[in-house]
Amino acid sequence: MFIEEMLRSRGFGAKWRGWMRKVIQGGSICIRINYENSAYFKPRKGLRQGDPLSPIISNLVADIFTRMLMKAARSSLVAGLLPRALDGGVLSLQYANDILLFLENDLEKANNLKWLLICYEKMTGMKINYDKSDLLTISIEEERINDLAKIFCCKKVIFQ
């Protein structure tokens, strides 16, 4: 399990990892509607919305992606915005389980970023919802915007 390996790499002990495994893989839940509980059932996936542990575990997992981005930037595979302010530029900002990614206007680096996203999905077992993702561009020609939207399979939002 990816989360267990990530916790191990961060120095969490066997006891703590065991607790996390039980919380993520075990247990049963019900749905409450109008003060009535449904029958209890076992969830099929790991992290659950509303679980008090989900935010911290999501942040730890997202930190892995941030480290992947930083390593890719050091190898010049991707480059973010404001490269003079920070080596490799500003590549991402995270708020809860939402991540904003920043990329310079370069199709090769955009393809590299998409490859990193695919690797992240395969490694973590998480799925990026590109239908809920937007491509925001500033001062880029329409043809390039369309190329980028095809790479990332998401909607485009154009600022003039």
C-alpha atoms as a PDB file:
ATOM      1  CA  MET A   1       0.000   0.000   0.000  1.00  0.00           C
ATOM      2  CA  PHE A   2       1.457   3.345  -1.095  1.00  0.00           C
ATOM      3  CA  ILE A   3       0.369   5.263   1.999  1.00  0.00           C
ATOM      4  CA  GLU A   4       2.029   2.751   4.297  1.00  0.00           C
ATOM      5  CA  GLU A   5       5.299   2.995   2.336  1.00  0.00           C
ATOM      6  CA  MET A   6       5.075   6.802   2.382  1.00  0.00           C
ATOM      7  CA  LEU A   7       4.560   6.772   6.165  1.00  0.00           C
ATOM      8  CA  ARG A   8       7.504   4.390   6.564  1.00  0.00           C
ATOM      9  CA  SER A   9       9.737   6.734   4.513  1.00  0.00           C
ATOM     10  CA  ARG A  10       8.695   9.622   6.798  1.00  0.00           C
ATOM     11  CA  GLY A  11       9.795   7.700   9.893  1.00  0.00           C
ATOM     12  CA  PHE A  12       6.389   6.611  11.225  1.00  0.00           C
ATOM     13  CA  GLY A  13       6.712   3.477  13.379  1.00  0.00           C
ATOM     14  CA  ALA A  14       5.132   0.101  12.723  1.00  0.00           C
ATOM     15  CA  LYS A  15       2.431   0.655  15.360  1.00  0.00           C
ATOM     16  CA  TRP A  16       1.337   3.976  13.824  1.00  0.00           C
ATOM     17  CA  ARG A  17       1.381   2.488  10.283  1.00  0.00           C
ATOM     18  CA  GLY A  18      -0.750  -0.399  11.552  1.00  0.00           C
ATOM     19  CA  TRP A  19      -3.311   2.014  12.966  1.00  0.00           C
ATOM     20  CA  MET A  20      -3.399   3.908   9.672  1.00  0.00           C
ATOM     21  CA  ARG A  21      -3.863   0.654   7.727  1.00  0.00           C
ATOM     22  CA  LYS A  22      -6.809  -0.283   9.948  1.00  0.00           C
ATOM     23  CA  VAL A  23      -8.406   3.145   9.557  1.00  0.00           C
ATOM     24  CA  ILE A  24      -7.930   3.261   5.787  1.00  0.00           C
ATOM     25  CA  GLN A  25      -8.693  -0.351   4.910  1.00  0.00           C
ATOM     26  CA  GLY A  26     -10.956  -1.362   7.754  1.00  0.00           C
ATOM     27  CA  GLY A  27     -14.065  -0.136   9.401  1.00  0.00           C
ATOM     28  CA  SER A  28     -17.570   0.321   8.145  1.00  0.00           C
ATOM     29  CA  ILE A  29     -19.610   3.417   7.465  1.00  0.00           C
ATOM     30  CA  CYS A  30     -23.207   4.474   7.050  1.00  0.00           C
ATOM     31  CA  ILE A  31     -24.893   7.452   5.457  1.00  0.00           C
ATOM     32  CA  ARG A  32     -27.100   9.733   7.553  1.00  0.00           C
ATOM     33  CA  ILE A  33     -29.970  11.508   5.832  1.00  0.00           C
ATOM     34  CA  ASN A  34     -32.652  13.412   7.730  1.00  0.00           C
ATOM     35  CA  TYR A  35     -31.493  11.971  11.066  1.00  0.00           C
ATOM     36  CA  GLU A  36     -31.789   8.381   9.772  1.00  0.00           C
ATOM     37  CA  ASN A  37     -28.777   6.098   9.315  1.00  0.00           C
ATOM     38  CA  SER A  38     -28.491   3.723   6.393  1.00  0.00           C
ATOM     39  CA  ALA A  39     -27.270   0.170   6.858  1.00  0.00           C
ATOM     40  CA  TYR A  40     -23.529  -0.046   7.537  1.00  0.00           C
ATOM     41  CA  PHE A  41     -21.264  -1.066   4.664  1.00  0.00           C
ATOM     42  CA  LYS A  42     -17.546  -1.418   3.979  1.00  0.00           C
ATOM     43  CA  PRO A  43     -16.011   1.335   1.836  1.00  0.00           C
ATOM     44  CA  ARG A  44     -14.134   0.206  -1.282  1.00  0.00           C
ATOM     45  CA  LYS A  45     -11.494   2.930  -1.416  1.00  0.00           C
ATOM     46  CA  GLY A  46      -8.976   4.267   1.105  1.00  0.00           C
ATOM     47  CA  LEU A  47      -9.365   7.912   2.130  1.00  0.00           C
ATOM     48  CA  ARG A  48     -12.890   9.125   2.736  1.00  0.00           C
ATOM     49  CA  GLN A  49     -14.283  12.625   2.592  1.00  0.00           C
ATOM     50  CA  GLY A  50     -15.099  13.849   6.073  1.00  0.00           C
ATOM     51  CA  ASP A  51     -12.645  11.492   7.763  1.00  0.00           C
ATOM     52  CA  PRO A  52     -10.573  13.615  10.187  1.00  0.00           C
ATOM     53  CA  LEU A  53      -7.375  11.846   9.044  1.00  0.00           C
ATOM     54  CA  SER A  54      -7.956  12.517   5.337  1.00  0.00           C
ATOM     55  CA  PRO A  55      -6.499  16.061   5.234  1.00  0.00           C
ATOM     56  CA  ILE A  56      -3.170  15.152   6.854  1.00  0.00           C
ATOM     57  CA  ILE A  57      -2.761  11.987   4.814  1.00  0.00           C
ATOM     58  CA  SER A  58      -3.697  13.896   1.642  1.00  0.00           C
ATOM     59  CA  ASN A  59      -1.049  16.498   2.473  1.00  0.00           C
ATOM     60  CA  LEU A  60       1.606  13.848   3.058  1.00  0.00           C
ATOM     61  CA  VAL A  61       0.750  12.170  -0.249  1.00  0.00           C
ATOM     62  CA  ALA A  62       0.672  15.521  -2.091  1.00  0.00           C
ATOM     63  CA  ASP A  63       4.119  16.266  -0.647  1.00  0.00           C
ATOM     64  CA  ILE A  64       5.393  13.293  -2.643  1.00  0.00           C
ATOM     65  CA  PHE A  65       4.093  14.966  -5.815  1.00  0.00           C
ATOM     66  CA  THR A  66       5.710  18.262  -4.816  1.00  0.00           C
ATOM     67  CA  ARG A  67       9.030  16.462  -4.410  1.00  0.00           C
ATOM     68  CA  MET A  68       8.574  14.867  -7.839  1.00  0.00           C
ATOM     69  CA  LEU A  69       7.962  18.329  -9.328  1.00  0.00           C
ATOM     70  CA  MET A  70      11.028  19.809  -7.639  1.00  0.00           C
ATOM     71  CA  LYS A  71      13.245  16.977  -8.879  1.00  0.00           C
ATOM     72  CA  ALA A  72      11.839  17.358 -12.404  1.00  0.00           C
ATOM     73  CA  ALA A  73      12.512  21.113 -12.251  1.00  0.00           C
ATOM     74  CA  ARG A  74      16.124  20.517 -11.156  1.00  0.00           C
ATOM     75  CA  SER A  75      16.489  18.281 -14.225  1.00  0.00           C
ATOM     76  CA  SER A  76      14.857  20.966 -16.432  1.00  0.00           C
ATOM     77  CA  LEU A  77      11.987  18.630 -17.326  1.00  0.00           C
ATOM     78  CA  VAL A  78       9.451  21.197 -16.098  1.00  0.00           C
ATOM     79  CA  ALA A  79       9.677  24.871 -15.243  1.00  0.00           C
ATOM     80  CA  GLY A  80       7.248  26.968 -13.262  1.00  0.00           C
ATOM     81  CA  LEU A  81       6.563  30.678 -13.127  1.00  0.00           C
ATOM     82  CA  LEU A  82       8.979  33.273 -11.732  1.00  0.00           C
ATOM     83  CA  PRO A  83      12.176  31.235 -12.227  1.00  0.00           C
ATOM     84  CA  ARG A  84      14.317  34.187 -11.076  1.00  0.00           C
ATOM     85  CA  ALA A  85      12.568  34.204  -7.691  1.00  0.00           C
ATOM     86  CA  LEU A  86      12.957  30.465  -7.063  1.00  0.00           C
ATOM     87  CA  ASP A  87      15.084  27.797  -8.740  1.00  0.00           C
ATOM     88  CA  GLY A  88      12.790  25.969 -11.161  1.00  0.00           C
ATOM     89  CA  GLY A  89      10.090  28.585 -10.617  1.00  0.00           C
ATOM     90  CA  VAL A  90       6.890  28.328  -8.623  1.00  0.00           C
ATOM     91  CA  LEU A  91       5.472  24.968  -9.669  1.00  0.00           C
ATOM     92  CA  SER A  92       2.538  24.357  -7.358  1.00  0.00           C
ATOM     93  CA  LEU A  93       0.370  25.643  -4.549  1.00  0.00           C
ATOM     94  CA  GLN A  94      -1.782  23.343  -2.455  1.00  0.00           C
ATOM     95  CA  TYR A  95      -4.920  24.035  -0.476  1.00  0.00           C
ATOM     96  CA  ALA A  96      -6.553  21.008   1.206  1.00  0.00           C
ATOM     97  CA  ASN A  97      -6.844  18.438  -1.581  1.00  0.00           C
ATOM     98  CA  ASP A  98      -6.700  20.981  -4.421  1.00  0.00           C
ATOM     99  CA  ILE A  99      -3.430  21.696  -6.201  1.00  0.00           C
ATOM    100  CA  LEU A 100      -2.672  24.578  -8.549  1.00  0.00           C
ATOM    101  CA  LEU A 101       0.097  23.767 -11.017  1.00  0.00           C
ATOM    102  CA  PHE A 102       2.110  26.452 -12.792  1.00  0.00           C
ATOM    103  CA  LEU A 103       4.043  25.889 -15.990  1.00  0.00           C
ATOM    104  CA  GLU A 104       5.901  28.055 -18.435  1.00  0.00           C
ATOM    105  CA  ASN A 105       4.601  28.165 -22.020  1.00  0.00           C
ATOM    106  CA  ASP A 106       6.495  25.142 -23.387  1.00  0.00           C
ATOM    107  CA  LEU A 107       4.774  22.116 -24.973  1.00  0.00           C
ATOM    108  CA  GLU A 108       7.644  19.725 -24.234  1.00  0.00           C
ATOM    109  CA  LYS A 109       7.573  20.668 -20.558  1.00  0.00           C
ATOM    110  CA  ALA A 110       3.779  20.392 -20.575  1.00  0.00           C
ATOM    111  CA  ASN A 111       4.099  16.828 -21.893  1.00  0.00           C
ATOM    112  CA  ASN A 112       6.665  16.120 -19.168  1.00  0.00           C
ATOM    113  CA  LEU A 113       4.262  17.440 -16.520  1.00  0.00           C
ATOM    114  CA  LYS A 114       1.462  15.239 -17.879  1.00  0.00           C
ATOM    115  CA  TRP A 115       3.850  12.265 -17.686  1.00  0.00           C
ATOM    116  CA  LEU A 116       4.598  13.147 -14.038  1.00  0.00           C
ATOM    117  CA  LEU A 117       0.875  13.295 -13.305  1.00  0.00           C
ATOM    118  CA  ILE A 118       0.389   9.850 -14.852  1.00  0.00           C
ATOM    119  CA  CYS A 119       3.318   8.481 -12.821  1.00  0.00           C
ATOM    120  CA  TYR A 120       1.814   9.986  -9.654  1.00  0.00           C
ATOM    121  CA  GLU A 121      -1.531   8.310 -10.374  1.00  0.00           C
ATOM    122  CA  LYS A 122       0.105   4.926 -10.973  1.00  0.00           C
ATOM    123  CA  MET A 123       2.341   5.218  -7.917  1.00  0.00           C
ATOM    124  CA  THR A 124      -0.341   6.336  -5.453  1.00  0.00           C
ATOM    125  CA  GLY A 125      -3.424   4.630  -6.856  1.00  0.00           C
ATOM    126  CA  MET A 126      -5.145   8.018  -6.790  1.00  0.00           C
ATOM    127  CA  LYS A 127      -7.010   9.265  -9.860  1.00  0.00           C
ATOM    128  CA  ILE A 128      -6.798  12.857 -11.082  1.00  0.00           C
ATOM    129  CA  ASN A 129     -10.200  14.107 -12.190  1.00  0.00           C
ATOM    130  CA  TYR A 130      -9.383  16.055 -15.341  1.00  0.00           C
ATOM    131  CA  ASP A 131     -13.110  16.764 -15.859  1.00  0.00           C
ATOM    132  CA  LYS A 132     -12.972  18.929 -12.717  1.00  0.00           C
ATOM    133  CA  SER A 133      -9.683  20.552 -13.770  1.00  0.00           C
ATOM    134  CA  ASP A 134      -9.271  23.832 -15.632  1.00  0.00           C
ATOM    135  CA  LEU A 135      -6.436  25.117 -17.780  1.00  0.00           C
ATOM    136  CA  LEU A 136      -5.982  28.812 -17.025  1.00  0.00           C
ATOM    137  CA  THR A 137      -3.806  30.762 -19.422  1.00  0.00           C
ATOM    138  CA  ILE A 138      -2.649  34.344 -19.629  1.00  0.00           C
ATOM    139  CA  SER A 139      -1.552  36.011 -22.889  1.00  0.00           C
ATOM    140  CA  ILE A 140      -1.136  32.795 -24.870  1.00  0.00           C
ATOM    141  CA  GLU A 141      -2.296  32.360 -28.452  1.00  0.00           C
ATOM    142  CA  GLU A 142      -5.440  30.286 -29.090  1.00  0.00           C
ATOM    143  CA  GLU A 143      -3.645  27.488 -30.967  1.00  0.00           C
ATOM    144  CA  ARG A 144      -1.205  26.945 -28.078  1.00  0.00           C
ATOM    145  CA  ILE A 145      -4.091  26.952 -25.582  1.00  0.00           C
ATOM    146  CA  ASN A 146      -5.822  24.231 -27.588  1.00  0.00           C
ATOM    147  CA  ASP A 147      -2.593  22.178 -27.686  1.00  0.00           C
ATOM    148  CA  LEU A 148      -2.223  22.467 -23.907  1.00  0.00           C
ATOM    149  CA  ALA A 149      -5.888  21.579 -23.301  1.00  0.00           C
ATOM    150  CA  LYS A 150      -5.390  18.416 -25.401  1.00  0.00           C
ATOM    151  CA  ILE A 151      -2.317  17.423 -23.404  1.00  0.00           C
ATOM    152  CA  PHE A 152      -4.078  17.814 -20.060  1.00  0.00           C
ATOM    153  CA  CYS A 153      -7.560  16.715 -21.247  1.00  0.00           C
ATOM    154  CA  CYS A 154      -9.264  19.549 -19.398  1.00  0.00           C
ATOM    155  CA  LYS A 155     -11.411  22.603 -19.957  1.00  0.00           C
ATOM    156  CA  LYS A 156      -9.742  25.874 -20.882  1.00  0.00           C
ATOM    157  CA  VAL A 157     -10.356  29.236 -19.271  1.00  0.00           C
ATOM    158  CA  ILE A 158      -8.893  32.206 -21.122  1.00  0.00           C
ATOM    159  CA  PHE A 159      -7.922  35.484 -19.457  1.00  0.00           C
ATOM    160  CA  GLN A 160      -7.233  38.442 -21.728  1.00  0.00           C
END
